[in-house]
Amino acid sequence: MSRMYNQTGNLYKGVFDCLFKTIRTEGVLAIYKGYFAHLARILPHTILTLSLAEQTNKVMRRLEDRFLSDSLKENL
């Protein structure tokens, strides 16, 4: 898509025209240009977010179990 936005003149008629011309002139791997830079940016964020969410869930379950067990003891 960035090729279409950055084009000078009317090089591409649409998305599929851009896709087919890119594959024809530069090869299939040109589609993935910039993918690894994006992956290097987003992967650490995703790993941290999922790890933090998992740890938060564990802590919340422990607190919930502790709260429920304390309230059950009070009712006895």
N, C-alpha and C. Protein backbone atom coordinates (compact mmCIF):
# COMPACT_ATOMS: atom_id res chain seq x y z
N MET A 1 0.82 -1.20 0.00
CA MET A 1 0.00 0.00 0.00
C MET A 1 0.86 1.26 0.00
N SER A 2 2.01 1.22 0.66
CA SER A 2 2.82 2.43 0.70
C SER A 2 3.34 2.79 -0.68
N ARG A 3 3.49 1.82 -1.55
CA ARG A 3 3.91 2.12 -2.92
C ARG A 3 2.86 2.95 -3.63
N MET A 4 1.60 2.63 -3.39
CA MET A 4 0.53 3.37 -4.05
C MET A 4 0.45 4.79 -3.51
N TYR A 5 0.66 4.96 -2.21
CA TYR A 5 0.60 6.29 -1.62
C TYR A 5 1.77 7.16 -2.06
N ASN A 6 2.92 6.54 -2.24
CA ASN A 6 4.13 7.29 -2.56
C ASN A 6 4.42 7.38 -4.06
N GLN A 7 3.52 6.89 -4.89
CA GLN A 7 3.78 6.90 -6.33
C GLN A 7 3.74 8.31 -6.89
N THR A 8 4.56 8.54 -7.89
CA THR A 8 4.53 9.81 -8.62
C THR A 8 3.77 9.55 -9.91
N GLY A 9 2.77 10.31 -10.15
CA GLY A 9 1.93 10.10 -11.33
C GLY A 9 0.96 8.96 -11.09
N ASN A 10 0.60 8.29 -12.16
CA ASN A 10 -0.35 7.18 -12.07
C ASN A 10 0.34 5.88 -12.49
N LEU A 11 1.27 5.43 -11.69
CA LEU A 11 2.01 4.21 -11.98
C LEU A 11 1.13 2.98 -11.77
N TYR A 12 0.31 3.00 -10.74
CA TYR A 12 -0.55 1.86 -10.42
C TYR A 12 -2.01 2.27 -10.52
N LYS A 13 -2.83 1.36 -11.05
CA LYS A 13 -4.26 1.63 -11.20
C LYS A 13 -5.05 1.25 -9.96
N GLY A 14 -4.51 0.32 -9.18
CA GLY A 14 -5.20 -0.14 -7.99
C GLY A 14 -4.31 -1.07 -7.19
N VAL A 15 -4.89 -1.68 -6.16
CA VAL A 15 -4.13 -2.54 -5.26
C VAL A 15 -3.60 -3.77 -6.00
N PHE A 16 -4.45 -4.42 -6.77
CA PHE A 16 -4.03 -5.64 -7.45
C PHE A 16 -3.02 -5.35 -8.56
N ASP A 17 -3.19 -4.22 -9.23
CA ASP A 17 -2.23 -3.82 -10.25
C ASP A 17 -0.86 -3.60 -9.61
N CYS A 18 -0.83 -2.96 -8.47
CA CYS A 18 0.41 -2.74 -7.73
C CYS A 18 1.03 -4.07 -7.31
N LEU A 19 0.21 -4.97 -6.80
CA LEU A 19 0.68 -6.28 -6.37
C LEU A 19 1.29 -7.07 -7.52
N PHE A 20 0.58 -7.15 -8.63
CA PHE A 20 1.07 -7.93 -9.77
C PHE A 20 2.32 -7.31 -10.40
N LYS A 21 2.36 -5.98 -10.51
CA LYS A 21 3.55 -5.33 -11.07
C LYS A 21 4.76 -5.51 -10.16
N THR A 22 4.54 -5.45 -8.86
CA THR A 22 5.64 -5.63 -7.92
C THR A 22 6.19 -7.05 -8.02
N ILE A 23 5.31 -8.04 -8.06
CA ILE A 23 5.75 -9.43 -8.18
C ILE A 23 6.47 -9.65 -9.51
N ARG A 24 5.93 -9.08 -10.57
CA ARG A 24 6.52 -9.28 -11.90
C ARG A 24 7.91 -8.63 -12.00
N THR A 25 8.08 -7.44 -11.42
CA THR A 25 9.35 -6.73 -11.59
C THR A 25 10.38 -7.08 -10.52
N GLU A 26 9.94 -7.33 -9.27
CA GLU A 26 10.90 -7.52 -8.18
C GLU A 26 10.87 -8.92 -7.57
N GLY A 27 9.86 -9.69 -7.88
CA GLY A 27 9.75 -11.03 -7.33
C GLY A 27 8.82 -11.07 -6.13
N VAL A 28 8.49 -12.28 -5.72
CA VAL A 28 7.53 -12.49 -4.63
C VAL A 28 8.06 -11.95 -3.30
N LEU A 29 9.36 -12.06 -3.08
CA LEU A 29 9.93 -11.61 -1.80
C LEU A 29 9.79 -10.10 -1.58
N ALA A 30 9.55 -9.35 -2.64
CA ALA A 30 9.36 -7.91 -2.50
C ALA A 30 8.10 -7.58 -1.70
N ILE A 31 7.15 -8.51 -1.67
CA ILE A 31 5.92 -8.31 -0.90
C ILE A 31 6.25 -8.23 0.59
N TYR A 32 7.27 -8.97 1.02
CA TYR A 32 7.62 -9.04 2.43
C TYR A 32 8.69 -8.03 2.83
N LYS A 33 9.01 -7.10 1.97
CA LYS A 33 9.99 -6.08 2.28
C LYS A 33 9.49 -5.25 3.47
N GLY A 34 10.29 -5.11 4.48
CA GLY A 34 9.89 -4.35 5.65
C GLY A 34 9.19 -5.18 6.71
N TYR A 35 8.89 -6.43 6.41
CA TYR A 35 8.17 -7.29 7.36
C TYR A 35 9.01 -7.58 8.59
N PHE A 36 10.31 -7.85 8.40
CA PHE A 36 11.16 -8.20 9.53
C PHE A 36 11.42 -6.99 10.43
N ALA A 37 11.46 -5.81 9.86
CA ALA A 37 11.59 -4.60 10.68
C ALA A 37 10.34 -4.42 11.54
N HIS A 38 9.19 -4.65 10.96
CA HIS A 38 7.94 -4.57 11.71
C HIS A 38 7.89 -5.64 12.80
N LEU A 39 8.32 -6.84 12.47
CA LEU A 39 8.34 -7.94 13.43
C LEU A 39 9.28 -7.63 14.59
N ALA A 40 10.43 -7.05 14.30
CA ALA A 40 11.39 -6.70 15.34
C ALA A 40 10.83 -5.62 16.27
N ARG A 41 9.93 -4.79 15.76
CA ARG A 41 9.33 -3.75 16.58
C ARG A 41 8.18 -4.29 17.42
N ILE A 42 7.35 -5.13 16.85
CA ILE A 42 6.12 -5.55 17.52
C ILE A 42 6.31 -6.78 18.41
N LEU A 43 7.27 -7.64 18.12
CA LEU A 43 7.46 -8.87 18.86
C LEU A 43 7.78 -8.65 20.34
N PRO A 44 8.73 -7.78 20.70
CA PRO A 44 8.98 -7.55 22.14
C PRO A 44 7.75 -7.02 22.87
N HIS A 45 7.00 -6.13 22.23
CA HIS A 45 5.79 -5.59 22.84
C HIS A 45 4.78 -6.70 23.10
N THR A 46 4.59 -7.58 22.15
CA THR A 46 3.63 -8.67 22.29
C THR A 46 4.05 -9.64 23.39
N ILE A 47 5.33 -9.97 23.43
CA ILE A 47 5.83 -10.88 24.46
C ILE A 47 5.63 -10.28 25.84
N LEU A 48 5.97 -9.01 26.01
CA LEU A 48 5.80 -8.36 27.32
C LEU A 48 4.33 -8.27 27.71
N THR A 49 3.48 -7.92 26.77
CA THR A 49 2.06 -7.79 27.07
C THR A 49 1.45 -9.12 27.51
N LEU A 50 1.74 -10.18 26.78
CA LEU A 50 1.18 -11.49 27.14
C LEU A 50 1.74 -12.01 28.45
N SER A 51 3.04 -11.79 28.69
CA SER A 51 3.65 -12.22 29.96
C SER A 51 3.04 -11.47 31.14
N LEU A 52 2.89 -10.17 30.98
CA LEU A 52 2.30 -9.36 32.05
C LEU A 52 0.85 -9.76 32.32
N ALA A 53 0.10 -10.02 31.28
CA ALA A 53 -1.30 -10.44 31.45
C ALA A 53 -1.38 -11.78 32.18
N GLU A 54 -0.49 -12.70 31.85
CA GLU A 54 -0.49 -14.00 32.51
C GLU A 54 -0.13 -13.87 33.99
N GLN A 55 0.88 -13.08 34.29
CA GLN A 55 1.28 -12.88 35.69
C GLN A 55 0.18 -12.17 36.48
N THR A 56 -0.47 -11.20 35.87
CA THR A 56 -1.57 -10.49 36.53
C THR A 56 -2.71 -11.45 36.84
N ASN A 57 -3.03 -12.34 35.91
CA ASN A 57 -4.09 -13.33 36.15
C ASN A 57 -3.73 -14.25 37.31
N LYS A 58 -2.47 -14.68 37.39
CA LYS A 58 -2.04 -15.54 38.49
C LYS A 58 -2.20 -14.84 39.83
N VAL A 59 -1.76 -13.59 39.91
CA VAL A 59 -1.87 -12.83 41.15
C VAL A 59 -3.33 -12.63 41.53
N MET A 60 -4.16 -12.30 40.56
CA MET A 60 -5.58 -12.08 40.85
C MET A 60 -6.25 -13.37 41.33
N ARG A 61 -5.90 -14.51 40.75
CA ARG A 61 -6.46 -15.79 41.21
C ARG A 61 -6.04 -16.08 42.64
N ARG A 62 -4.77 -15.83 42.97
CA ARG A 62 -4.30 -16.05 44.35
C ARG A 62 -5.04 -15.15 45.33
N LEU A 63 -5.20 -13.89 44.97
CA LEU A 63 -5.93 -12.97 45.85
C LEU A 63 -7.38 -13.39 46.00
N GLU A 64 -7.98 -13.82 44.92
CA GLU A 64 -9.37 -14.27 44.97
C GLU A 64 -9.51 -15.50 45.85
N ASP A 65 -8.60 -16.46 45.70
CA ASP A 65 -8.63 -17.67 46.52
C ASP A 65 -8.44 -17.32 48.00
N ARG A 66 -7.51 -16.43 48.27
CA ARG A 66 -7.25 -16.03 49.65
C ARG A 66 -8.47 -15.32 50.25
N PHE A 67 -9.08 -14.43 49.47
CA PHE A 67 -10.25 -13.71 49.95
C PHE A 67 -11.41 -14.67 50.20
N LEU A 68 -11.63 -15.60 49.28
CA LEU A 68 -12.73 -16.54 49.45
C LEU A 68 -12.50 -17.48 50.63
N SER A 69 -11.26 -17.93 50.81
CA SER A 69 -10.99 -18.84 51.93
C SER A 69 -11.14 -18.09 53.26
N ASP A 70 -10.71 -16.83 53.34
CA ASP A 70 -10.87 -16.04 54.56
C ASP A 70 -12.34 -15.79 54.86
N SER A 71 -13.14 -15.50 53.85
CA SER A 71 -14.56 -15.23 54.09
C SER A 71 -15.30 -16.50 54.48
N LEU A 72 -14.88 -17.65 53.97
CA LEU A 72 -15.50 -18.91 54.36
C LEU A 72 -15.17 -19.26 55.81
N LYS A 73 -13.94 -18.97 56.24
CA LYS A 73 -13.55 -19.22 57.63
C LYS A 73 -14.36 -18.36 58.59
N GLU A 74 -14.65 -17.13 58.20
CA GLU A 74 -15.42 -16.23 59.06
C GLU A 74 -16.86 -16.72 59.21
N ASN A 75 -17.39 -17.34 58.19
CA ASN A 75 -18.77 -17.80 58.24
C ASN A 75 -18.93 -19.08 59.06
N LEU A 76 -17.83 -19.77 59.36
CA LEU A 76 -17.94 -20.99 60.15
C LEU A 76 -17.96 -20.68 61.58
